[in-house]
Structures are given as C-alpha cells and as structure tokens.
Amino acid sequence: MKVIRLALCLFLLCLANGISYAGSEGAGGGLFGPGDALKVLVYGSPDLTTETKVNENGKITFPLLGEVAIGGLTPAAAEKKIADLLESGGYLRKPQINILTATLHSQQISVLGFVRNQGRYAIEGQRSLTDVLAMVGGISPDGGNIVTLIRAQGGDFVKEEIDVLAMIRSGDMSLNRTIYGGDLLYVESAPRFYIYGEVQRPGFFRLEPNMTVVQALSVGGGLSQRGTERGVRIQRRDAEGVLRVIKVKPDDLVQPDDVVYIQESLF
C-alpha cells in the first residue's frame, strides 16, 4: 500500500505541474491535449500558417477564428473542425487544412519502479503494456511480476494490477492493456523471503511463485553441517500484523516476507 501511495503521490505531483492526463473520453493514440505544439497549414493561404500550442483548456489560437477547442480530437478531426469554421465563417471556400505535430506532451506516460529505465516517455499511436515494458528495457532483476496501471478516468483515478508473468504463461493477452497518454505504470519489487540459522547462505532472496520450504532451503545453499530439516519454523505476520511462529513441513508454501529458520541438529 505504501508503494501505491507513493506512485499516486508522484502522479498527482505531475498533475500539479500542469501535465495533462487524458480521461476515458480522450484516451487514445494521437489525440491532442494541453501542451502539444502544433503547426497548422492552410493550402493556398500561407498567411494563415500558424505555429501554436494547445492551452490548459484544450484550445489553440488561430487567425480569424480566435480560440478553437481541439483537445481530445484526432488530427483529422481537428483539421475538419478548423476547415468547417473557416468555411462557415465565410473566410475560405472548401479550405484544406493540414496539422503537423511538433511535440505531443499530452501523449507522454510515466514508468516508475523496478524497471531498467524509469522516466517519462512519449508514445505515438497505440502501445500495449508489453510494448512499453520493452521500450524501457524491461523489468529489472529486483522487479516483480505485478505492474500497477493508474489512469485518470471520469475525474477519478482508476488503478489496475496486472500480473505480467501469469498473462504470458496463460496466453491471455486480453490483459495486455493499451497504454494511453497520461497513464502511469509502476512495477512492484519482487516479493522476498528470509532464511537464517543452519544454512550455507543465510540472507534474503527472491520469492518465486509457489516456492516450497524445501525449495527455499535450496536457494539458501542447503543445510550446513549442523543443520536439520526437522523442526523447520517460519516467522510470519498474520492479518492483524502479529508475528507468529509456525512449524512447517518441507512441501508447505513460503509466503512473502516469511522468515525461515533452520534449527541445529541435536545429533
């Protein structure tokens, strides 16, 4: 929960600095939003060629027309809107408009957490979750399988957790979400467990899915000369946060943050 709160605070900080986050109505590749720098060309009327920027209200300033709202529109829709306004205002007959995008600040995403290259990235067109992970160099060795997606939708923040490993193993690519401008992705750290006592390599290690006690013991290098598999105990916190000591069997599953203790043999 602390990790999610941190990611959400960073997300809100970006908003406070004027970075646009598209809602569900405006989400999608190639939609204009605040901060986008554009060049608007009018065929046959070079004097109307305009370099402008979409303001915080999703509007640009255009000669003859004043402010024109294009926020949330595709380039083709924005071109048609400007052309219709020029024609309906009696300024030009069947004008041909072409919009060139210099920078699309509203089509940037933030990728944080345990990836090889954190930062903000511009995306063009549709990009899937796996596309974005490949773009940032993949998940780092200390990263886990869970990717948290935070998106502004309908004035609220929507959070979704996606198990990338399970998605790939199952082949269910319906979970390979399309990533839109303004989205934030946070890759969790991998779950860990601790092992100490009579083992070759005490310490903390990455917890793999469905890892058993005997597998955890092998990760710790196996028993020392004085160690025994009998009487292995795990220190684990329950739902109320109380630390419990549990006697376990070799095929019992290890849980995140478990502390596995290997006792000394009496013989």
Protein backbone atom coordinates (compact mmCIF):
# COMPACT_ATOMS: atom_id res chain seq x y z
CA MET A 1 0.00 0.00 0.00
CA LYS A 2 2.90 2.37 0.72
CA VAL A 3 4.25 1.74 -2.78
CA ILE A 4 0.87 2.54 -4.34
CA ARG A 5 0.52 5.70 -2.26
CA LEU A 6 4.00 6.81 -3.39
CA ALA A 7 3.18 6.20 -7.04
CA LEU A 8 -0.13 8.03 -6.69
CA CYS A 9 1.59 10.99 -5.00
CA LEU A 10 4.05 11.21 -7.89
CA PHE A 11 1.14 11.01 -10.30
CA LEU A 12 -0.66 13.87 -8.53
CA LEU A 13 2.56 15.87 -8.45
CA CYS A 14 2.74 15.66 -12.22
CA LEU A 15 -0.82 16.99 -12.38
CA ALA A 16 0.09 19.89 -10.11
CA ASN A 17 2.86 20.86 -12.52
CA GLY A 18 0.46 21.15 -15.42
CA ILE A 19 0.94 17.79 -17.09
CA SER A 20 -2.22 16.62 -18.81
CA TYR A 21 -3.80 13.26 -18.10
CA ALA A 22 -6.41 12.19 -20.62
CA GLY A 23 -9.67 10.72 -19.32
CA SER A 24 -11.56 7.82 -20.83
CA GLU A 25 -13.24 10.10 -23.36
CA GLY A 26 -9.90 11.46 -24.54
CA ALA A 27 -7.75 8.40 -24.17
CA GLY A 28 -6.15 7.02 -27.26
CA GLY A 29 -3.17 7.41 -29.54
CA GLY A 30 -2.86 10.67 -31.49
CA LEU A 31 -5.36 12.78 -29.51
CA PHE A 32 -4.46 16.40 -28.86
CA GLY A 33 -4.13 17.66 -25.31
CA PRO A 34 -2.64 20.55 -23.28
CA GLY A 35 1.00 21.29 -24.04
CA ASP A 36 1.00 19.87 -27.56
CA ALA A 37 2.91 22.08 -30.01
CA LEU A 38 1.37 22.22 -33.49
CA LYS A 39 1.85 23.80 -36.90
CA VAL A 40 -1.39 24.42 -38.80
CA LEU A 41 -1.08 24.77 -42.60
CA VAL A 42 -3.83 26.13 -44.87
CA TYR A 43 -3.38 25.15 -48.52
CA GLY A 44 -3.25 28.20 -50.77
CA SER A 45 -3.23 30.64 -47.80
CA PRO A 46 0.32 30.75 -46.42
CA ASP A 47 -0.53 33.87 -44.39
CA LEU A 48 -2.77 31.68 -42.22
CA THR A 49 0.00 29.21 -41.42
CA THR A 50 0.21 29.15 -37.63
CA GLU A 51 2.51 27.67 -35.03
CA THR A 52 0.60 27.32 -31.81
CA LYS A 53 0.28 25.29 -28.62
CA VAL A 54 -2.76 23.68 -27.02
CA ASN A 55 -3.50 25.54 -23.78
CA GLU A 56 -4.70 24.09 -20.47
CA ASN A 57 -8.30 24.33 -21.66
CA GLY A 58 -7.58 22.27 -24.77
CA LYS A 59 -7.73 25.27 -27.12
CA ILE A 60 -5.44 26.83 -29.71
CA THR A 61 -5.44 30.36 -31.09
CA PHE A 62 -5.94 30.55 -34.85
CA PRO A 63 -6.09 33.62 -37.16
CA LEU A 64 -9.61 34.85 -37.98
CA LEU A 65 -11.17 32.27 -35.68
CA GLY A 66 -9.67 33.13 -32.33
CA GLU A 67 -9.72 30.22 -29.86
CA VAL A 68 -10.58 26.80 -31.25
CA ALA A 69 -11.11 23.82 -28.95
CA ILE A 70 -9.26 20.75 -30.28
CA GLY A 71 -8.41 18.98 -27.02
CA GLY A 72 -9.36 15.30 -27.24
CA LEU A 73 -9.61 15.37 -31.05
CA THR A 74 -7.55 13.36 -33.52
CA PRO A 75 -5.52 15.35 -36.08
CA ALA A 76 -8.06 14.51 -38.79
CA ALA A 77 -10.97 15.67 -36.63
CA ALA A 78 -9.15 18.88 -35.68
CA GLU A 79 -8.35 19.60 -39.34
CA LYS A 80 -12.00 19.15 -40.28
CA LYS A 81 -13.17 21.38 -37.43
CA ILE A 82 -10.89 24.25 -38.42
CA ALA A 83 -11.86 23.85 -42.08
CA ASP A 84 -15.57 23.89 -41.22
CA LEU A 85 -15.16 27.01 -39.08
CA LEU A 86 -13.27 28.85 -41.83
CA GLU A 87 -15.91 27.93 -44.39
CA SER A 88 -18.95 28.62 -42.19
CA GLY A 89 -17.45 31.98 -41.20
CA GLY A 90 -17.17 32.95 -44.86
CA TYR A 91 -13.38 33.25 -44.78
CA LEU A 92 -12.45 30.50 -47.25
CA ARG A 93 -14.26 28.17 -49.63
CA LYS A 94 -13.53 24.47 -49.09
CA PRO A 95 -10.25 25.07 -47.26
CA GLN A 96 -7.71 22.28 -46.96
CA ILE A 97 -6.08 22.08 -43.54
CA ASN A 98 -3.03 20.09 -42.52
CA ILE A 99 -1.81 19.90 -38.92
CA LEU A 100 1.79 18.92 -38.16
CA THR A 101 2.70 17.92 -34.61
CA ALA A 102 6.00 19.22 -33.28
CA THR A 103 5.68 17.74 -29.78
CA LEU A 104 2.88 15.80 -28.12
CA HIS A 105 3.35 16.44 -24.40
CA SER A 106 -0.13 15.10 -23.67
CA GLN A 107 0.85 11.75 -25.19
CA GLN A 108 3.53 11.07 -22.59
CA ILE A 109 3.43 8.34 -19.99
CA SER A 110 5.33 7.79 -16.74
CA VAL A 111 7.05 4.49 -15.99
CA LEU A 112 8.35 4.11 -12.43
CA GLY A 113 9.53 1.43 -10.06
CA PHE A 114 11.68 -1.60 -10.75
CA VAL A 115 12.35 -1.19 -14.47
CA ARG A 116 15.70 -0.72 -16.15
CA ASN A 117 15.00 2.85 -17.29
CA GLN A 118 12.48 4.89 -15.30
CA GLY A 119 11.14 8.14 -16.73
CA ARG A 120 8.60 9.84 -18.94
CA TYR A 121 8.18 8.58 -22.47
CA ALA A 122 6.32 9.91 -25.48
CA ILE A 123 4.07 7.40 -27.22
CA GLU A 124 2.64 7.62 -30.71
CA GLY A 125 -0.33 5.59 -31.80
CA GLN A 126 -1.44 2.56 -29.82
CA ARG A 127 1.06 0.93 -27.49
CA SER A 128 0.40 -2.13 -25.36
CA LEU A 129 1.71 -2.78 -21.86
CA THR A 130 4.35 -5.20 -23.17
CA ASP A 131 5.37 -2.63 -25.81
CA VAL A 132 6.02 -0.07 -23.06
CA LEU A 133 7.95 -2.56 -20.90
CA ALA A 134 10.16 -3.36 -23.88
CA MET A 135 10.61 0.36 -24.54
CA VAL A 136 12.00 0.95 -21.02
CA GLY A 137 14.37 -2.01 -21.22
CA GLY A 138 12.21 -4.49 -19.36
CA ILE A 139 11.73 -5.22 -15.68
CA SER A 140 14.89 -5.03 -13.56
CA PRO A 141 16.24 -8.15 -11.78
CA ASP A 142 14.72 -6.95 -8.49
CA GLY A 143 11.36 -6.27 -10.12
CA GLY A 144 8.29 -8.41 -9.57
CA ASN A 145 5.60 -9.72 -11.86
CA ILE A 146 2.95 -7.16 -10.87
CA VAL A 147 2.55 -3.95 -12.86
CA THR A 148 0.20 -1.32 -11.45
CA LEU A 149 -1.58 0.86 -14.01
CA ILE A 150 -3.00 4.18 -12.76
CA ARG A 151 -5.24 6.16 -15.11
CA ALA A 152 -7.46 9.23 -14.81
CA GLN A 153 -11.00 8.37 -15.78
CA GLY A 154 -14.15 10.42 -15.33
CA GLY A 155 -12.50 12.76 -12.83
CA ASP A 156 -11.23 9.87 -10.67
CA PHE A 157 -8.12 7.73 -10.60
CA VAL A 158 -8.55 4.09 -11.59
CA LYS A 159 -5.97 1.52 -10.51
CA GLU A 160 -5.45 -1.93 -12.02
CA GLU A 161 -2.86 -4.54 -11.07
CA ILE A 162 -1.66 -6.82 -13.87
CA ASP A 163 0.36 -9.99 -13.34
CA VAL A 164 2.58 -9.95 -16.42
CA LEU A 165 4.07 -13.40 -15.84
CA ALA A 166 0.65 -15.01 -15.39
CA MET A 167 -0.60 -13.23 -18.51
CA ILE A 168 2.26 -14.58 -20.61
CA ARG A 169 2.10 -18.11 -19.17
CA SER A 170 -1.65 -18.34 -19.74
CA GLY A 171 -1.51 -16.69 -23.15
CA ASP A 172 -4.46 -14.47 -22.13
CA MET A 173 -3.36 -11.29 -23.87
CA SER A 174 -6.65 -9.57 -23.08
CA LEU A 175 -4.78 -8.29 -20.01
CA ASN A 176 -2.14 -6.70 -22.25
CA ARG A 177 -3.78 -3.31 -21.81
CA THR A 178 -3.50 -0.48 -24.34
CA ILE A 179 -1.49 2.35 -22.76
CA TYR A 180 -2.65 5.93 -23.36
CA GLY A 181 -1.10 9.34 -22.91
CA GLY A 182 -1.13 10.34 -19.25
CA ASP A 183 -1.03 6.78 -17.89
CA LEU A 184 1.31 5.89 -15.05
CA LEU A 185 2.89 2.45 -14.75
CA TYR A 186 4.56 1.23 -11.57
CA VAL A 187 6.44 -2.05 -11.41
CA GLU A 188 6.46 -3.54 -7.92
CA SER A 189 9.55 -5.04 -6.34
CA ALA A 190 9.72 -8.81 -6.30
CA PRO A 191 8.44 -10.47 -3.12
CA ARG A 192 11.17 -11.73 -0.81
CA PHE A 193 11.70 -14.20 1.98
CA TYR A 194 14.43 -14.51 4.60
CA ILE A 195 16.28 -17.62 5.70
CA TYR A 196 18.72 -17.97 8.56
CA GLY A 197 20.07 -20.46 11.02
CA GLU A 198 21.95 -23.56 9.95
CA VAL A 199 22.12 -22.92 6.17
CA GLN A 200 25.04 -22.30 3.88
CA ARG A 201 23.93 -18.84 2.69
CA PRO A 202 21.62 -17.06 5.14
CA GLY A 203 20.01 -13.84 3.92
CA PHE A 204 17.05 -12.62 1.90
CA PHE A 205 16.11 -13.95 -1.53
CA ARG A 206 13.54 -13.51 -4.27
CA LEU A 207 10.37 -15.50 -3.62
CA GLU A 208 9.30 -17.38 -6.71
CA PRO A 209 5.64 -18.37 -7.26
CA ASN A 210 4.59 -21.48 -5.30
CA MET A 211 8.00 -21.84 -3.67
CA THR A 212 8.05 -24.57 -1.03
CA VAL A 213 10.08 -24.71 2.16
CA VAL A 214 12.49 -27.25 0.68
CA GLN A 215 12.97 -25.05 -2.39
CA ALA A 216 13.68 -22.08 -0.15
CA LEU A 217 16.24 -24.19 1.66
CA SER A 218 17.98 -24.99 -1.63
CA VAL A 219 18.10 -21.27 -2.50
CA GLY A 220 19.90 -20.74 0.80
CA GLY A 221 22.57 -23.19 -0.31
CA GLY A 222 21.22 -26.15 1.61
CA LEU A 223 21.84 -27.24 5.19
CA SER A 224 25.06 -26.55 7.00
CA GLN A 225 26.86 -29.49 8.61
CA ARG A 226 24.90 -28.89 11.81
CA GLY A 227 21.52 -28.21 10.22
CA THR A 228 18.43 -30.40 10.14
CA GLU A 229 15.23 -30.33 8.14
CA ARG A 230 13.28 -31.48 11.18
CA GLY A 231 11.61 -28.72 13.12
CA VAL A 232 11.84 -26.01 10.44
CA ARG A 233 9.92 -22.96 11.59
CA ILE A 234 8.65 -19.84 9.88
CA GLN A 235 8.07 -16.46 11.46
CA ARG A 236 5.05 -14.91 9.73
CA ARG A 237 2.81 -11.94 10.44
CA ASP A 238 -0.92 -12.61 10.43
CA ALA A 239 -3.67 -10.35 9.07
CA GLU A 240 -3.51 -8.21 12.24
CA GLY A 241 0.25 -7.78 11.94
CA VAL A 242 1.04 -10.07 14.87
CA LEU A 243 4.20 -12.12 14.45
CA ARG A 244 3.55 -15.86 14.68
CA VAL A 245 5.96 -18.80 14.76
CA ILE A 246 4.72 -21.70 12.66
CA LYS A 247 6.10 -25.21 12.42
CA VAL A 248 6.10 -26.23 8.75
CA LYS A 249 6.65 -29.24 6.53
CA PRO A 250 9.05 -29.40 3.56
CA ASP A 251 6.25 -29.09 0.98
CA ASP A 252 4.49 -26.13 2.66
CA LEU A 253 4.46 -22.89 0.66
CA VAL A 254 6.56 -19.90 1.66
CA GLN A 255 4.79 -16.54 1.70
CA PRO A 256 6.18 -13.01 1.06
CA ASP A 257 8.29 -11.68 3.96
CA ASP A 258 8.42 -15.05 5.70
CA VAL A 259 11.46 -15.70 7.86
CA VAL A 260 12.53 -19.34 7.56
CA TYR A 261 14.60 -20.61 10.48
CA ILE A 262 16.67 -23.81 10.23
CA GLN A 263 17.49 -25.38 13.57
CA GLU A 264 20.68 -27.05 14.66
CA SER A 265 20.63 -30.83 14.79
CA LEU A 266 20.88 -32.33 18.26
CA PHE A 267 22.90 -35.29 16.99
